Amino acid sequence: MHEQWDRLRRIISNTIAGGTQAGEFAAIDSAVATAVALGITRAIVNHLGGKQPPAEIAATASQLFLDGLCV
C-alpha cells in the first residue's frame, strides 16, 4: 500500500509542477481550484475503495496536497 501512496504523491506532485510550468496557476480561479481538489479527493476515495471515514480521507487528501506543494 505504501508504494501506491508514493505513486499517488508523485502523480499529484507532477501535476502541480506541470501546471505551474504551463502558467496554469498564475491566476487561480476558485472554481478550478475546487474542481481539482474534489477530483483528487474523489480519486483517493476510489483508490481506497470508499471504506474510510471522511476524517481519514480528509487527512490523506490534505497531506497529499501539502506534499505536492512541497510544504
N, C-alpha and C. Protein backbone atom coordinates (compact mmCIF):
# COMPACT_ATOMS: atom_id res chain seq x y z
N MET A 1 0.83 -1.19 0.00
CA MET A 1 0.00 0.00 0.00
C MET A 1 0.87 1.26 0.00
N HIS A 2 2.01 1.21 0.72
CA HIS A 2 2.90 2.37 0.78
C HIS A 2 3.38 2.75 -0.62
N GLU A 3 3.68 1.76 -1.44
CA GLU A 3 4.14 2.02 -2.81
C GLU A 3 3.05 2.73 -3.62
N GLN A 4 1.79 2.35 -3.41
CA GLN A 4 0.69 3.00 -4.12
C GLN A 4 0.56 4.46 -3.70
N TRP A 5 0.73 4.75 -2.40
CA TRP A 5 0.64 6.13 -1.94
C TRP A 5 1.78 6.96 -2.50
N ASP A 6 2.97 6.35 -2.57
CA ASP A 6 4.10 7.07 -3.18
C ASP A 6 3.79 7.41 -4.63
N ARG A 7 3.19 6.48 -5.33
CA ARG A 7 2.83 6.72 -6.74
C ARG A 7 1.81 7.85 -6.84
N LEU A 8 0.80 7.83 -5.98
CA LEU A 8 -0.23 8.88 -6.00
C LEU A 8 0.40 10.24 -5.68
N ARG A 9 1.32 10.27 -4.70
CA ARG A 9 2.01 11.52 -4.38
C ARG A 9 2.80 12.04 -5.57
N ARG A 10 3.49 11.15 -6.28
CA ARG A 10 4.26 11.56 -7.46
C ARG A 10 3.35 12.11 -8.54
N ILE A 11 2.21 11.48 -8.76
CA ILE A 11 1.26 11.94 -9.78
C ILE A 11 0.77 13.35 -9.45
N ILE A 12 0.39 13.56 -8.19
CA ILE A 12 -0.11 14.88 -7.78
C ILE A 12 1.00 15.92 -7.88
N SER A 13 2.19 15.57 -7.41
CA SER A 13 3.31 16.50 -7.47
C SER A 13 3.65 16.87 -8.91
N ASN A 14 3.66 15.88 -9.80
CA ASN A 14 3.96 16.15 -11.21
C ASN A 14 2.87 16.99 -11.85
N THR A 15 1.63 16.76 -11.46
CA THR A 15 0.52 17.55 -12.00
C THR A 15 0.64 19.01 -11.58
N ILE A 16 0.95 19.23 -10.31
CA ILE A 16 1.12 20.60 -9.82
C ILE A 16 2.31 21.27 -10.50
N ALA A 17 3.43 20.54 -10.62
CA ALA A 17 4.62 21.10 -11.27
C ALA A 17 4.34 21.44 -12.73
N GLY A 18 3.65 20.54 -13.43
CA GLY A 18 3.32 20.79 -14.83
C GLY A 18 2.40 21.99 -15.00
N GLY A 19 1.42 22.10 -14.13
CA GLY A 19 0.50 23.24 -14.19
C GLY A 19 1.21 24.54 -13.89
N THR A 20 2.15 24.51 -12.96
CA THR A 20 2.92 25.70 -12.62
C THR A 20 3.79 26.13 -13.79
N GLN A 21 4.47 25.17 -14.40
CA GLN A 21 5.34 25.48 -15.55
C GLN A 21 4.54 26.02 -16.72
N ALA A 22 3.34 25.51 -16.90
CA ALA A 22 2.50 25.94 -18.02
C ALA A 22 1.78 27.26 -17.74
N GLY A 23 1.94 27.78 -16.53
CA GLY A 23 1.30 29.05 -16.18
C GLY A 23 -0.16 28.90 -15.78
N GLU A 24 -0.58 27.66 -15.54
CA GLU A 24 -1.98 27.41 -15.17
C GLU A 24 -2.34 28.03 -13.82
N PHE A 25 -1.34 28.20 -12.96
CA PHE A 25 -1.62 28.68 -11.61
C PHE A 25 -1.23 30.13 -11.42
N ALA A 26 -1.02 30.86 -12.52
CA ALA A 26 -0.65 32.27 -12.42
C ALA A 26 -1.78 33.06 -11.77
N ALA A 27 -3.00 32.74 -12.12
CA ALA A 27 -4.18 33.37 -11.53
C ALA A 27 -5.18 32.26 -11.23
N ILE A 28 -5.19 31.83 -9.99
CA ILE A 28 -6.04 30.71 -9.60
C ILE A 28 -7.50 31.15 -9.60
N ASP A 29 -8.29 30.40 -10.29
CA ASP A 29 -9.74 30.59 -10.30
C ASP A 29 -10.29 29.65 -9.23
N SER A 30 -11.10 30.17 -8.32
CA SER A 30 -11.58 29.35 -7.21
C SER A 30 -12.40 28.15 -7.68
N ALA A 31 -13.13 28.29 -8.77
CA ALA A 31 -13.91 27.17 -9.28
C ALA A 31 -13.00 26.06 -9.79
N VAL A 32 -11.92 26.44 -10.46
CA VAL A 32 -10.96 25.45 -10.96
C VAL A 32 -10.25 24.78 -9.79
N ALA A 33 -9.83 25.56 -8.82
CA ALA A 33 -9.15 25.01 -7.65
C ALA A 33 -10.05 24.03 -6.91
N THR A 34 -11.32 24.37 -6.78
CA THR A 34 -12.28 23.49 -6.13
C THR A 34 -12.46 22.20 -6.93
N ALA A 35 -12.57 22.32 -8.24
CA ALA A 35 -12.74 21.14 -9.09
C ALA A 35 -11.53 20.22 -8.99
N VAL A 36 -10.34 20.80 -8.95
CA VAL A 36 -9.12 19.99 -8.82
C VAL A 36 -9.11 19.27 -7.48
N ALA A 37 -9.41 20.00 -6.40
CA ALA A 37 -9.43 19.39 -5.07
C ALA A 37 -10.46 18.28 -4.98
N LEU A 38 -11.64 18.51 -5.53
CA LEU A 38 -12.68 17.48 -5.49
C LEU A 38 -12.29 16.28 -6.35
N GLY A 39 -11.67 16.53 -7.49
CA GLY A 39 -11.24 15.44 -8.35
C GLY A 39 -10.19 14.57 -7.68
N ILE A 40 -9.22 15.21 -7.03
CA ILE A 40 -8.19 14.44 -6.33
C ILE A 40 -8.80 13.69 -5.15
N THR A 41 -9.70 14.34 -4.42
CA THR A 41 -10.34 13.67 -3.29
C THR A 41 -11.15 12.47 -3.76
N ARG A 42 -11.84 12.62 -4.87
CA ARG A 42 -12.62 11.50 -5.43
C ARG A 42 -11.69 10.36 -5.83
N ALA A 43 -10.53 10.68 -6.40
CA ALA A 43 -9.56 9.65 -6.76
C ALA A 43 -9.07 8.90 -5.52
N ILE A 44 -8.88 9.63 -4.42
CA ILE A 44 -8.46 8.99 -3.18
C ILE A 44 -9.55 8.05 -2.68
N VAL A 45 -10.80 8.51 -2.70
CA VAL A 45 -11.92 7.67 -2.26
C VAL A 45 -11.98 6.40 -3.11
N ASN A 46 -11.87 6.55 -4.41
CA ASN A 46 -11.90 5.39 -5.30
C ASN A 46 -10.72 4.47 -5.04
N HIS A 47 -9.55 5.05 -4.84
CA HIS A 47 -8.33 4.27 -4.60
C HIS A 47 -8.46 3.45 -3.32
N LEU A 48 -9.07 4.02 -2.31
CA LEU A 48 -9.23 3.33 -1.03
C LEU A 48 -10.46 2.45 -0.98
N GLY A 49 -11.22 2.42 -2.03
CA GLY A 49 -12.40 1.56 -2.08
C GLY A 49 -13.62 2.11 -1.38
N GLY A 50 -13.59 3.39 -1.00
CA GLY A 50 -14.75 4.02 -0.36
C GLY A 50 -15.06 3.51 1.03
N LYS A 51 -14.06 2.93 1.70
CA LYS A 51 -14.31 2.31 3.01
C LYS A 51 -13.82 3.14 4.19
N GLN A 52 -13.09 4.22 3.92
CA GLN A 52 -12.54 5.02 5.01
C GLN A 52 -13.52 6.10 5.43
N PRO A 53 -13.48 6.48 6.72
CA PRO A 53 -14.35 7.57 7.18
C PRO A 53 -13.89 8.90 6.59
N PRO A 54 -14.81 9.86 6.48
CA PRO A 54 -14.47 11.16 5.90
C PRO A 54 -13.25 11.83 6.53
N ALA A 55 -13.10 11.72 7.84
CA ALA A 55 -11.95 12.37 8.50
C ALA A 55 -10.63 11.79 8.01
N GLU A 56 -10.59 10.50 7.79
CA GLU A 56 -9.36 9.87 7.29
C GLU A 56 -9.07 10.29 5.86
N ILE A 57 -10.12 10.36 5.05
CA ILE A 57 -9.95 10.80 3.66
C ILE A 57 -9.47 12.25 3.63
N ALA A 58 -10.05 13.09 4.47
CA ALA A 58 -9.64 14.50 4.52
C ALA A 58 -8.18 14.63 4.94
N ALA A 59 -7.76 13.86 5.92
CA ALA A 59 -6.37 13.91 6.37
C ALA A 59 -5.43 13.46 5.26
N THR A 60 -5.80 12.41 4.56
CA THR A 60 -4.98 11.90 3.45
C THR A 60 -4.90 12.93 2.34
N ALA A 61 -6.04 13.50 1.96
CA ALA A 61 -6.06 14.50 0.89
C ALA A 61 -5.23 15.72 1.28
N SER A 62 -5.37 16.18 2.50
CA SER A 62 -4.61 17.35 2.96
C SER A 62 -3.11 17.08 2.88
N GLN A 63 -2.69 15.91 3.33
CA GLN A 63 -1.27 15.59 3.29
C GLN A 63 -0.76 15.50 1.86
N LEU A 64 -1.55 14.92 0.97
CA LEU A 64 -1.14 14.83 -0.43
C LEU A 64 -1.03 16.20 -1.08
N PHE A 65 -1.97 17.09 -0.78
CA PHE A 65 -1.90 18.45 -1.32
C PHE A 65 -0.64 19.15 -0.82
N LEU A 66 -0.37 19.04 0.48
CA LEU A 66 0.81 19.70 1.04
C LEU A 66 2.10 19.10 0.49
N ASP A 67 2.14 17.77 0.35
CA ASP A 67 3.31 17.12 -0.24
C ASP A 67 3.52 17.60 -1.67
N GLY A 68 2.43 17.69 -2.42
CA GLY A 68 2.52 18.13 -3.81
C GLY A 68 3.01 19.55 -3.94
N LEU A 69 2.69 20.37 -2.95
CA LEU A 69 3.13 21.77 -2.96
C LEU A 69 4.48 21.95 -2.29
N CYS A 70 5.05 20.81 -1.82
CA CYS A 70 6.36 20.83 -1.13
C CYS A 70 6.32 21.72 0.10
N VAL A 71 5.22 21.65 0.85
CA VAL A 71 5.06 22.46 2.07
C VAL A 71 5.37 21.59 3.27
